[in-house]
Amino acid sequence: EKPSKHMNGSLLLSKPFFSKELSAKLEAMLRTSRLLDSDAAP
């Protein structure tokens, strides 16, 4: 509930978590990374 300012750009997940929640968080992070990576090479 009190995320630190050092978690900039990170996502939070409450335990216990289920596969569906984990998948959604990972896909969100990977989607963001893909967008950032498409603008920067290598």
PDB file of all heavy atoms in Angstrom:
ATOM      1  N   GLU A   1       0.807  -1.224   0.000  1.00  0.00           N
ATOM      2  CA  GLU A   1       0.000   0.000   0.000  1.00  0.00           C
ATOM      3  C   GLU A   1       0.837   1.269   0.000  1.00  0.00           C
ATOM      4  O   GLU A   1       0.376   2.323  -0.412  1.00  0.00           O
ATOM      5  CB  GLU A   1      -0.938   0.007   1.209  1.00  0.00           C
ATOM      6  CG  GLU A   1      -2.027  -1.039   1.112  1.00  0.00           C
ATOM      7  CD  GLU A   1      -2.805  -1.203   2.399  1.00  0.00           C
ATOM      8  OE1 GLU A   1      -2.604  -0.399   3.329  1.00  0.00           O
ATOM      9  OE2 GLU A   1      -3.613  -2.143   2.473  1.00  0.00           O
ATOM     10  N   LYS A   2       2.064   1.207   0.469  1.00  0.00           N
ATOM     11  CA  LYS A   2       2.921   2.390   0.546  1.00  0.00           C
ATOM     12  C   LYS A   2       4.161   2.196  -0.317  1.00  0.00           C
ATOM     13  O   LYS A   2       5.262   2.028   0.193  1.00  0.00           O
ATOM     14  CB  LYS A   2       3.339   2.641   2.000  1.00  0.00           C
ATOM     15  CG  LYS A   2       2.189   2.872   2.933  1.00  0.00           C
ATOM     16  CD  LYS A   2       2.686   3.004   4.348  1.00  0.00           C
ATOM     17  CE  LYS A   2       1.503   3.097   5.307  1.00  0.00           C
ATOM     18  NZ  LYS A   2       1.903   3.117   6.698  1.00  0.00           N
ATOM     19  N   PRO A   3       3.969   2.166  -1.635  1.00  0.00           N
ATOM     20  CA  PRO A   3       5.130   1.923  -2.498  1.00  0.00           C
ATOM     21  C   PRO A   3       6.164   3.042  -2.373  1.00  0.00           C
ATOM     22  O   PRO A   3       5.828   4.211  -2.242  1.00  0.00           O
ATOM     23  CB  PRO A   3       4.543   1.862  -3.906  1.00  0.00           C
ATOM     24  CG  PRO A   3       3.223   2.517  -3.811  1.00  0.00           C
ATOM     25  CD  PRO A   3       2.760   2.384  -2.394  1.00  0.00           C
ATOM     26  N   SER A   4       7.396   2.660  -2.390  1.00  0.00           N
ATOM     27  CA  SER A   4       8.498   3.603  -2.268  1.00  0.00           C
ATOM     28  C   SER A   4       8.719   4.356  -3.563  1.00  0.00           C
ATOM     29  O   SER A   4       8.457   3.855  -4.653  1.00  0.00           O
ATOM     30  CB  SER A   4       9.771   2.835  -1.892  1.00  0.00           C
ATOM     31  OG  SER A   4      10.890   3.652  -2.019  1.00  0.00           O
ATOM     32  N   LYS A   5       9.260   5.555  -3.433  1.00  0.00           N
ATOM     33  CA  LYS A   5       9.592   6.332  -4.630  1.00  0.00           C
ATOM     34  C   LYS A   5      10.661   5.639  -5.454  1.00  0.00           C
ATOM     35  O   LYS A   5      10.807   5.897  -6.640  1.00  0.00           O
ATOM     36  CB  LYS A   5      10.047   7.731  -4.234  1.00  0.00           C
ATOM     37  CG  LYS A   5      11.321   7.746  -3.414  1.00  0.00           C
ATOM     38  CD  LYS A   5      11.708   9.143  -3.031  1.00  0.00           C
ATOM     39  CE  LYS A   5      12.962   9.100  -2.164  1.00  0.00           C
ATOM     40  NZ  LYS A   5      13.365  10.411  -1.736  1.00  0.00           N
ATOM     41  N   HIS A   6      11.416   4.713  -4.849  1.00  0.00           N
ATOM     42  CA  HIS A   6      12.460   3.989  -5.572  1.00  0.00           C
ATOM     43  C   HIS A   6      11.902   2.881  -6.455  1.00  0.00           C
ATOM     44  O   HIS A   6      12.652   2.238  -7.173  1.00  0.00           O
ATOM     45  CB  HIS A   6      13.470   3.399  -4.585  1.00  0.00           C
ATOM     46  CG  HIS A   6      14.177   4.443  -3.791  1.00  0.00           C
ATOM     47  ND1 HIS A   6      15.085   5.310  -4.341  1.00  0.00           N
ATOM     48  CD2 HIS A   6      14.090   4.773  -2.486  1.00  0.00           C
ATOM     49  CE1 HIS A   6      15.538   6.120  -3.408  1.00  0.00           C
ATOM     50  NE2 HIS A   6      14.940   5.823  -2.274  1.00  0.00           N
ATOM     51  N   MET A   7      10.601   2.655  -6.398  1.00  0.00           N
ATOM     52  CA  MET A   7       9.988   1.621  -7.230  1.00  0.00           C
ATOM     53  C   MET A   7       9.531   2.195  -8.559  1.00  0.00           C
ATOM     54  O   MET A   7       8.689   1.619  -9.232  1.00  0.00           O
ATOM     55  CB  MET A   7       8.806   0.981  -6.504  1.00  0.00           C
ATOM     56  CG  MET A   7       9.206   0.165  -5.333  1.00  0.00           C
ATOM     57  SD  MET A   7       7.725  -0.593  -4.650  1.00  0.00           S
ATOM     58  CE  MET A   7       8.341  -1.091  -3.061  1.00  0.00           C
ATOM     59  N   ASN A   8      10.076   3.295  -8.950  1.00  0.00           N
ATOM     60  CA  ASN A   8       9.696   3.980 -10.185  1.00  0.00           C
ATOM     61  C   ASN A   8       9.679   3.011 -11.364  1.00  0.00           C
ATOM     62  O   ASN A   8      10.665   2.383 -11.670  1.00  0.00           O
ATOM     63  CB  ASN A   8      10.675   5.132 -10.451  1.00  0.00           C
ATOM     64  CG  ASN A   8      10.258   5.968 -11.627  1.00  0.00           C
ATOM     65  OD1 ASN A   8       9.095   5.995 -11.993  1.00  0.00           O
ATOM     66  ND2 ASN A   8      11.209   6.651 -12.218  1.00  0.00           N
ATOM     67  N   GLY A   9       8.523   2.904 -11.990  1.00  0.00           N
ATOM     68  CA  GLY A   9       8.386   2.053 -13.160  1.00  0.00           C
ATOM     69  C   GLY A   9       8.159   0.589 -12.840  1.00  0.00           C
ATOM     70  O   GLY A   9       7.947  -0.209 -13.736  1.00  0.00           O
ATOM     71  N   SER A  10       8.207   0.223 -11.581  1.00  0.00           N
ATOM     72  CA  SER A  10       7.997  -1.171 -11.194  1.00  0.00           C
ATOM     73  C   SER A  10       6.523  -1.387 -10.864  1.00  0.00           C
ATOM     74  O   SER A  10       5.791  -0.449 -10.598  1.00  0.00           O
ATOM     75  CB  SER A  10       8.849  -1.516  -9.970  1.00  0.00           C
ATOM     76  OG  SER A  10      10.213  -1.357 -10.264  1.00  0.00           O
ATOM     77  N   LEU A  11       6.131  -2.639 -10.890  1.00  0.00           N
ATOM     78  CA  LEU A  11       4.769  -2.998 -10.538  1.00  0.00           C
ATOM     79  C   LEU A  11       4.761  -3.735  -9.214  1.00  0.00           C
ATOM     80  O   LEU A  11       5.768  -4.323  -8.812  1.00  0.00           O
ATOM     81  CB  LEU A  11       4.160  -3.884 -11.627  1.00  0.00           C
ATOM     82  CG  LEU A  11       3.964  -3.230 -12.992  1.00  0.00           C
ATOM     83  CD1 LEU A  11       3.397  -4.235 -13.986  1.00  0.00           C
ATOM     84  CD2 LEU A  11       3.062  -2.021 -12.889  1.00  0.00           C
ATOM     85  N   LEU A  12       3.626  -3.712  -8.546  1.00  0.00           N
ATOM     86  CA  LEU A  12       3.469  -4.371  -7.248  1.00  0.00           C
ATOM     87  C   LEU A  12       2.448  -5.498  -7.365  1.00  0.00           C
ATOM     88  O   LEU A  12       1.451  -5.375  -8.072  1.00  0.00           O
ATOM     89  CB  LEU A  12       3.006  -3.362  -6.204  1.00  0.00           C
ATOM     90  CG  LEU A  12       3.952  -2.190  -5.963  1.00  0.00           C
ATOM     91  CD1 LEU A  12       3.275  -1.112  -5.127  1.00  0.00           C
ATOM     92  CD2 LEU A  12       5.220  -2.671  -5.294  1.00  0.00           C
ATOM     93  N   LEU A  13       2.708  -6.574  -6.624  1.00  0.00           N
ATOM     94  CA  LEU A  13       1.841  -7.741  -6.651  1.00  0.00           C
ATOM     95  C   LEU A  13       1.682  -8.243  -5.218  1.00  0.00           C
ATOM     96  O   LEU A  13       2.673  -8.455  -4.515  1.00  0.00           O
ATOM     97  CB  LEU A  13       2.497  -8.822  -7.524  1.00  0.00           C
ATOM     98  CG  LEU A  13       1.757 -10.105  -7.794  1.00  0.00           C
ATOM     99  CD1 LEU A  13       0.443  -9.836  -8.532  1.00  0.00           C
ATOM    100  CD2 LEU A  13       2.633 -11.032  -8.634  1.00  0.00           C
ATOM    101  N   SER A  14       0.436  -8.396  -4.776  1.00  0.00           N
ATOM    102  CA  SER A  14       0.171  -8.891  -3.416  1.00  0.00           C
ATOM    103  C   SER A  14       0.248 -10.412  -3.370  1.00  0.00           C
ATOM    104  O   SER A  14      -0.227 -11.089  -4.274  1.00  0.00           O
ATOM    105  CB  SER A  14      -1.218  -8.453  -2.957  1.00  0.00           C
ATOM    106  OG  SER A  14      -1.272  -7.065  -2.804  1.00  0.00           O
ATOM    107  N   LYS A  15       0.841 -10.925  -2.301  1.00  0.00           N
ATOM    108  CA  LYS A  15       0.862 -12.373  -2.060  1.00  0.00           C
ATOM    109  C   LYS A  15      -0.316 -12.723  -1.169  1.00  0.00           C
ATOM    110  O   LYS A  15      -0.660 -11.931  -0.300  1.00  0.00           O
ATOM    111  CB  LYS A  15       2.142 -12.776  -1.328  1.00  0.00           C
ATOM    112  CG  LYS A  15       3.384 -12.762  -2.147  1.00  0.00           C
ATOM    113  CD  LYS A  15       4.500 -13.254  -1.235  1.00  0.00           C
ATOM    114  CE  LYS A  15       5.841 -13.226  -1.838  1.00  0.00           C
ATOM    115  NZ  LYS A  15       6.869 -13.649  -0.877  1.00  0.00           N
ATOM    116  N   PRO A  16      -0.887 -13.865  -1.291  1.00  0.00           N
ATOM    117  CA  PRO A  16      -0.577 -14.841  -2.326  1.00  0.00           C
ATOM    118  C   PRO A  16      -1.164 -14.385  -3.661  1.00  0.00           C
ATOM    119  O   PRO A  16      -2.205 -13.733  -3.704  1.00  0.00           O
ATOM    120  CB  PRO A  16      -1.256 -16.114  -1.838  1.00  0.00           C
ATOM    121  CG  PRO A  16      -2.396 -15.627  -0.988  1.00  0.00           C
ATOM    122  CD  PRO A  16      -1.941 -14.329  -0.382  1.00  0.00           C
ATOM    123  N   PHE A  17      -0.490 -14.728  -4.720  1.00  0.00           N
ATOM    124  CA  PHE A  17      -0.995 -14.382  -6.050  1.00  0.00           C
ATOM    125  C   PHE A  17      -1.224 -15.655  -6.844  1.00  0.00           C
ATOM    126  O   PHE A  17      -0.699 -16.714  -6.518  1.00  0.00           O
ATOM    127  CB  PHE A  17      -0.052 -13.431  -6.785  1.00  0.00           C
ATOM    128  CG  PHE A  17       1.376 -13.878  -6.846  1.00  0.00           C
ATOM    129  CD1 PHE A  17       1.806 -14.791  -7.799  1.00  0.00           C
ATOM    130  CD2 PHE A  17       2.311 -13.372  -5.960  1.00  0.00           C
ATOM    131  CE1 PHE A  17       3.126 -15.198  -7.863  1.00  0.00           C
ATOM    132  CE2 PHE A  17       3.642 -13.765  -6.013  1.00  0.00           C
ATOM    133  CZ  PHE A  17       4.043 -14.683  -6.960  1.00  0.00           C
ATOM    134  N   PHE A  18      -2.059 -15.512  -7.851  1.00  0.00           N
ATOM    135  CA  PHE A  18      -2.386 -16.629  -8.718  1.00  0.00           C
ATOM    136  C   PHE A  18      -1.731 -16.428 -10.074  1.00  0.00           C
ATOM    137  O   PHE A  18      -1.287 -15.334 -10.411  1.00  0.00           O
ATOM    138  CB  PHE A  18      -3.914 -16.758  -8.861  1.00  0.00           C
ATOM    139  CG  PHE A  18      -4.580 -17.058  -7.549  1.00  0.00           C
ATOM    140  CD1 PHE A  18      -5.156 -16.031  -6.800  1.00  0.00           C
ATOM    141  CD2 PHE A  18      -4.603 -18.344  -7.038  1.00  0.00           C
ATOM    142  CE1 PHE A  18      -5.751 -16.302  -5.574  1.00  0.00           C
ATOM    143  CE2 PHE A  18      -5.194 -18.624  -5.813  1.00  0.00           C
ATOM    144  CZ  PHE A  18      -5.769 -17.591  -5.087  1.00  0.00           C
ATOM    145  N   SER A  19      -1.690 -17.481 -10.827  1.00  0.00           N
ATOM    146  CA  SER A  19      -1.033 -17.476 -12.128  1.00  0.00           C
ATOM    147  C   SER A  19      -1.564 -16.360 -13.044  1.00  0.00           C
ATOM    148  O   SER A  19      -0.805 -15.697 -13.732  1.00  0.00           O
ATOM    149  CB  SER A  19      -1.223 -18.844 -12.789  1.00  0.00           C
ATOM    150  OG  SER A  19      -0.542 -18.916 -13.996  1.00  0.00           O
ATOM    151  N   LYS A  20      -2.874 -16.145 -13.022  1.00  0.00           N
ATOM    152  CA  LYS A  20      -3.487 -15.124 -13.880  1.00  0.00           C
ATOM    153  C   LYS A  20      -2.974 -13.720 -13.521  1.00  0.00           C
ATOM    154  O   LYS A  20      -2.669 -12.921 -14.397  1.00  0.00           O
ATOM    155  CB  LYS A  20      -5.008 -15.185 -13.748  1.00  0.00           C
ATOM    156  CG  LYS A  20      -5.745 -14.249 -14.669  1.00  0.00           C
ATOM    157  CD  LYS A  20      -7.249 -14.445 -14.548  1.00  0.00           C
ATOM    158  CE  LYS A  20      -7.981 -13.512 -15.466  1.00  0.00           C
ATOM    159  NZ  LYS A  20      -9.421 -13.688 -15.403  1.00  0.00           N
ATOM    160  N   GLU A  21      -2.864 -13.438 -12.206  1.00  0.00           N
ATOM    161  CA  GLU A  21      -2.350 -12.130 -11.770  1.00  0.00           C
ATOM    162  C   GLU A  21      -0.877 -11.972 -12.146  1.00  0.00           C
ATOM    163  O   GLU A  21      -0.457 -10.913 -12.614  1.00  0.00           O
ATOM    164  CB  GLU A  21      -2.483 -11.986 -10.249  1.00  0.00           C
ATOM    165  CG  GLU A  21      -3.909 -11.999  -9.752  1.00  0.00           C
ATOM    166  CD  GLU A  21      -3.969 -12.216  -8.257  1.00  0.00           C
ATOM    167  OE1 GLU A  21      -3.484 -13.268  -7.777  1.00  0.00           O
ATOM    168  OE2 GLU A  21      -4.503 -11.323  -7.576  1.00  0.00           O
ATOM    169  N   LEU A  22      -0.109 -13.021 -11.939  1.00  0.00           N
ATOM    170  CA  LEU A  22       1.306 -12.991 -12.288  1.00  0.00           C
ATOM    171  C   LEU A  22       1.485 -12.762 -13.778  1.00  0.00           C
ATOM    172  O   LEU A  22       2.282 -11.922 -14.209  1.00  0.00           O
ATOM    173  CB  LEU A  22       1.979 -14.297 -11.859  1.00  0.00           C
ATOM    174  CG  LEU A  22       3.459 -14.439 -12.176  1.00  0.00           C
ATOM    175  CD1 LEU A  22       4.277 -13.352 -11.495  1.00  0.00           C
ATOM    176  CD2 LEU A  22       3.945 -15.836 -11.761  1.00  0.00           C
ATOM    177  N   SER A  23       0.724 -13.475 -14.570  1.00  0.00           N
ATOM    178  CA  SER A  23       0.794 -13.331 -16.024  1.00  0.00           C
ATOM    179  C   SER A  23       0.475 -11.902 -16.459  1.00  0.00           C
ATOM    180  O   SER A  23       1.171 -11.324 -17.300  1.00  0.00           O
ATOM    181  CB  SER A  23      -0.178 -14.315 -16.683  1.00  0.00           C
ATOM    182  OG  SER A  23      -0.166 -14.143 -18.082  1.00  0.00           O
ATOM    183  N   ALA A  24      -0.562 -11.306 -15.872  1.00  0.00           N
ATOM    184  CA  ALA A  24      -0.947  -9.936 -16.240  1.00  0.00           C
ATOM    185  C   ALA A  24       0.165  -8.942 -15.918  1.00  0.00           C
ATOM    186  O   ALA A  24       0.470  -8.056 -16.731  1.00  0.00           O
ATOM    187  CB  ALA A  24      -2.237  -9.545 -15.519  1.00  0.00           C
ATOM    188  N   LYS A  25       0.794  -9.075 -14.752  1.00  0.00           N
ATOM    189  CA  LYS A  25       1.878  -8.161 -14.374  1.00  0.00           C
ATOM    190  C   LYS A  25       3.078  -8.332 -15.294  1.00  0.00           C
ATOM    191  O   LYS A  25       3.674  -7.349 -15.748  1.00  0.00           O
ATOM    192  CB  LYS A  25       2.313  -8.389 -12.920  1.00  0.00           C
ATOM    193  CG  LYS A  25       1.249  -8.089 -11.902  1.00  0.00           C
ATOM    194  CD  LYS A  25       0.994  -6.624 -11.745  1.00  0.00           C
ATOM    195  CE  LYS A  25      -0.014  -6.396 -10.626  1.00  0.00           C
ATOM    196  NZ  LYS A  25      -0.296  -5.011 -10.377  1.00  0.00           N
ATOM    197  N   LEU A  26       3.431  -9.580 -15.575  1.00  0.00           N
ATOM    198  CA  LEU A  26       4.581  -9.819 -16.444  1.00  0.00           C
ATOM    199  C   LEU A  26       4.336  -9.305 -17.859  1.00  0.00           C
ATOM    200  O   LEU A  26       5.216  -8.686 -18.465  1.00  0.00           O
ATOM    201  CB  LEU A  26       4.928 -11.304 -16.469  1.00  0.00           C
ATOM    202  CG  LEU A  26       5.500 -11.856 -15.170  1.00  0.00           C
ATOM    203  CD1 LEU A  26       5.662 -13.364 -15.263  1.00  0.00           C
ATOM    204  CD2 LEU A  26       6.823 -11.184 -14.830  1.00  0.00           C
ATOM    205  N   GLU A  27       3.165  -9.563 -18.380  1.00  0.00           N
ATOM    206  CA  GLU A  27       2.851  -9.085 -19.728  1.00  0.00           C
ATOM    207  C   GLU A  27       2.883  -7.562 -19.790  1.00  0.00           C
ATOM    208  O   GLU A  27       3.340  -6.984 -20.767  1.00  0.00           O
ATOM    209  CB  GLU A  27       1.507  -9.639 -20.205  1.00  0.00           C
ATOM    210  CG  GLU A  27       1.568 -11.103 -20.592  1.00  0.00           C
ATOM    211  CD  GLU A  27       2.582 -11.400 -21.690  1.00  0.00           C
ATOM    212  OE1 GLU A  27       2.691 -10.638 -22.664  1.00  0.00           O
ATOM    213  OE2 GLU A  27       3.274 -12.428 -21.564  1.00  0.00           O
ATOM    214  N   ALA A  28       2.402  -6.895 -18.737  1.00  0.00           N
ATOM    215  CA  ALA A  28       2.454  -5.428 -18.694  1.00  0.00           C
ATOM    216  C   ALA A  28       3.901  -4.939 -18.712  1.00  0.00           C
ATOM    217  O   ALA A  28       4.242  -4.001 -19.436  1.00  0.00           O
ATOM    218  CB  ALA A  28       1.721  -4.899 -17.456  1.00  0.00           C
ATOM    219  N   MET A  29       4.757  -5.583 -17.915  1.00  0.00           N
ATOM    220  CA  MET A  29       6.168  -5.180 -17.884  1.00  0.00           C
ATOM    221  C   MET A  29       6.842  -5.450 -19.222  1.00  0.00           C
ATOM    222  O   MET A  29       7.597  -4.626 -19.725  1.00  0.00           O
ATOM    223  CB  MET A  29       6.922  -5.923 -16.773  1.00  0.00           C
ATOM    224  CG  MET A  29       6.514  -5.533 -15.370  1.00  0.00           C
ATOM    225  SD  MET A  29       6.687  -3.776 -15.003  1.00  0.00           S
ATOM    226  CE  MET A  29       8.436  -3.645 -14.780  1.00  0.00           C
ATOM    227  N   LEU A  30       6.578  -6.598 -19.794  1.00  0.00           N
ATOM    228  CA  LEU A  30       7.204  -6.950 -21.076  1.00  0.00           C
ATOM    229  C   LEU A  30       6.704  -6.061 -22.211  1.00  0.00           C
ATOM    230  O   LEU A  30       7.474  -5.664 -23.077  1.00  0.00           O
ATOM    231  CB  LEU A  30       6.961  -8.427 -21.391  1.00  0.00           C
ATOM    232  CG  LEU A  30       7.716  -9.391 -20.478  1.00  0.00           C
ATOM    233  CD1 LEU A  30       7.165 -10.807 -20.626  1.00  0.00           C
ATOM    234  CD2 LEU A  30       9.205  -9.348 -20.752  1.00  0.00           C
ATOM    235  N   ARG A  31       5.425  -5.729 -22.189  1.00  0.00           N
ATOM    236  CA  ARG A  31       4.864  -4.842 -23.204  1.00  0.00           C
ATOM    237  C   ARG A  31       5.542  -3.473 -23.133  1.00  0.00           C
ATOM    238  O   ARG A  31       5.953  -2.912 -24.146  1.00  0.00           O
ATOM    239  CB  ARG A  31       3.352  -4.720 -22.991  1.00  0.00           C
ATOM    240  CG  ARG A  31       2.590  -4.158 -24.154  1.00  0.00           C
ATOM    241  CD  ARG A  31       1.069  -4.274 -24.018  1.00  0.00           C
ATOM    242  NE  ARG A  31       0.521  -4.316 -22.674  1.00  0.00           N
ATOM    243  CZ  ARG A  31       0.086  -5.436 -22.062  1.00  0.00           C
ATOM    244  NH1 ARG A  31       0.162  -6.594 -22.671  1.00  0.00           N
ATOM    245  NH2 ARG A  31      -0.419  -5.382 -20.854  1.00  0.00           N
ATOM    246  N   THR A  32       5.706  -2.936 -21.931  1.00  0.00           N
ATOM    247  CA  THR A  32       6.375  -1.653 -21.747  1.00  0.00           C
ATOM    248  C   THR A  32       7.822  -1.741 -22.213  1.00  0.00           C
ATOM    249  O   THR A  32       8.320  -0.849 -22.906  1.00  0.00           O
ATOM    250  CB  THR A  32       6.314  -1.216 -20.271  1.00  0.00           C
ATOM    251  OG1 THR A  32       4.946  -1.081 -19.902  1.00  0.00           O
ATOM    252  CG2 THR A  32       7.038   0.097 -20.047  1.00  0.00           C
ATOM    253  N   SER A  33       8.505  -2.826 -21.866  1.00  0.00           N
ATOM    254  CA  SER A  33       9.903  -3.002 -22.275  1.00  0.00           C
ATOM    255  C   SER A  33      10.032  -3.086 -23.784  1.00  0.00           C
ATOM    256  O   SER A  33      10.956  -2.537 -24.365  1.00  0.00           O
ATOM    257  CB  SER A  33      10.490  -4.265 -21.640  1.00  0.00           C
ATOM    258  OG  SER A  33      10.641  -4.085 -20.267  1.00  0.00           O
ATOM    259  N   ARG A  34       9.097  -3.774 -24.418  1.00  0.00           N
ATOM    260  CA  ARG A  34       9.140  -3.882 -25.886  1.00  0.00           C
ATOM    261  C   ARG A  34       8.995  -2.510 -26.530  1.00  0.00           C
ATOM    262  O   ARG A  34       9.672  -2.194 -27.506  1.00  0.00           O
ATOM    263  CB  ARG A  34       8.034  -4.808 -26.377  1.00  0.00           C
ATOM    264  CG  ARG A  34       8.288  -6.255 -26.093  1.00  0.00           C
ATOM    265  CD  ARG A  34       7.145  -7.126 -26.603  1.00  0.00           C
ATOM    266  NE  ARG A  34       7.296  -8.467 -26.114  1.00  0.00           N
ATOM    267  CZ  ARG A  34       6.383  -9.112 -25.401  1.00  0.00           C
ATOM    268  NH1 ARG A  34       5.231  -8.544 -25.126  1.00  0.00           N
ATOM    269  NH2 ARG A  34       6.603 -10.339 -24.986  1.00  0.00           N
ATOM    270  N   LEU A  35       8.077  -1.703 -25.984  1.00  0.00           N
ATOM    271  CA  LEU A  35       7.893  -0.352 -26.529  1.00  0.00           C
ATOM    272  C   LEU A  35       9.154   0.480 -26.358  1.00  0.00           C
ATOM    273  O   LEU A  35       9.578   1.182 -27.271  1.00  0.00           O
ATOM    274  CB  LEU A  35       6.706   0.339 -25.853  1.00  0.00           C
ATOM    275  CG  LEU A  35       5.333  -0.213 -26.193  1.00  0.00           C
ATOM    276  CD1 LEU A  35       4.265   0.441 -25.314  1.00  0.00           C
ATOM    277  CD2 LEU A  35       5.019  -0.028 -27.661  1.00  0.00           C
ATOM    278  N   LEU A  36       9.766   0.401 -25.191  1.00  0.00           N
ATOM    279  CA  LEU A  36      10.997   1.146 -24.951  1.00  0.00           C
ATOM    280  C   LEU A  36      12.123   0.624 -25.823  1.00  0.00           C
ATOM    281  O   LEU A  36      12.912   1.397 -26.361  1.00  0.00           O
ATOM    282  CB  LEU A  36      11.394   1.061 -23.476  1.00  0.00           C
ATOM    283  CG  LEU A  36      10.455   1.746 -22.492  1.00  0.00           C
ATOM    284  CD1 LEU A  36      10.876   1.454 -21.066  1.00  0.00           C
ATOM    285  CD2 LEU A  36      10.411   3.245 -22.745  1.00  0.00           C
ATOM    286  N   ASP A  37      12.217  -0.691 -25.977  1.00  0.00           N
ATOM    287  CA  ASP A  37      13.285  -1.289 -26.775  1.00  0.00           C
ATOM    288  C   ASP A  37      13.137  -0.990 -28.259  1.00  0.00           C
ATOM    289  O   ASP A  37      14.122  -0.926 -28.977  1.00  0.00           O
ATOM    290  CB  ASP A  37      13.339  -2.798 -26.571  1.00  0.00           C
ATOM    291  CG  ASP A  37      13.899  -3.159 -25.211  1.00  0.00           C
ATOM    292  OD1 ASP A  37      14.565  -2.305 -24.588  1.00  0.00           O
ATOM    293  OD2 ASP A  37      13.669  -4.296 -24.764  1.00  0.00           O
ATOM    294  N   SER A  38      11.905  -0.800 -28.721  1.00  0.00           N
ATOM    295  CA  SER A  38      11.715  -0.513 -30.139  1.00  0.00           C
ATOM    296  C   SER A  38      12.244   0.873 -30.502  1.00  0.00           C
ATOM    297  O   SER A  38      12.555   1.143 -31.646  1.00  0.00           O
ATOM    298  CB  SER A  38      10.239  -0.635 -30.528  1.00  0.00           C
ATOM    299  OG  SER A  38       9.482   0.401 -29.921  1.00  0.00           O
ATOM    300  N   ASP A  39      12.394   1.743 -29.489  1.00  0.00           N
ATOM    301  CA  ASP A  39      12.942   3.080 -29.712  1.00  0.00           C
ATOM    302  C   ASP A  39      14.443   3.140 -29.514  1.00  0.00           C
ATOM    303  O   ASP A  39      15.063   4.145 -29.841  1.00  0.00           O
ATOM    304  CB  ASP A  39      12.286   4.090 -28.752  1.00  0.00           C
ATOM    305  CG  ASP A  39      10.825   4.297 -29.067  1.00  0.00           C
ATOM    306  OD1 ASP A  39      10.427   4.081 -30.232  1.00  0.00           O
ATOM    307  OD2 ASP A  39      10.071   4.643 -28.138  1.00  0.00           O
ATOM    308  N   ALA A  40      15.036   2.103 -28.963  1.00  0.00           N
ATOM    309  CA  ALA A  40      16.473   2.099 -28.682  1.00  0.00           C
ATOM    310  C   ALA A  40      17.099   0.823 -29.214  1.00  0.00           C
ATOM    311  O   ALA A  40      16.597  -0.260 -29.011  1.00  0.00           O
ATOM    312  CB  ALA A  40      16.707   2.190 -27.179  1.00  0.00           C
ATOM    313  N   ALA A  41      18.207   0.948 -29.896  1.00  0.00           N
ATOM    314  CA  ALA A  41      18.921  -0.225 -30.395  1.00  0.00           C
ATOM    315  C   ALA A  41      20.392   0.002 -30.140  1.00  0.00           C
ATOM    316  O   ALA A  41      20.858   1.130 -30.166  1.00  0.00           O
ATOM    317  CB  ALA A  41      18.650  -0.415 -31.881  1.00  0.00           C
ATOM    318  N   PRO A  42      21.170  -1.000 -29.907  1.00  0.00           N
ATOM    319  CA  PRO A  42      20.737  -2.371 -29.694  1.00  0.00           C
ATOM    320  C   PRO A  42      20.105  -2.553 -28.321  1.00  0.00           C
ATOM    321  O   PRO A  42      20.214  -1.693 -27.479  1.00  0.00           O
ATOM    322  CB  PRO A  42      22.049  -3.168 -29.791  1.00  0.00           C
ATOM    323  CG  PRO A  42      23.084  -2.206 -29.321  1.00  0.00           C
ATOM    324  CD  PRO A  42      22.610  -0.839 -29.769  1.00  0.00           C
TER     325      PRO A  42
END
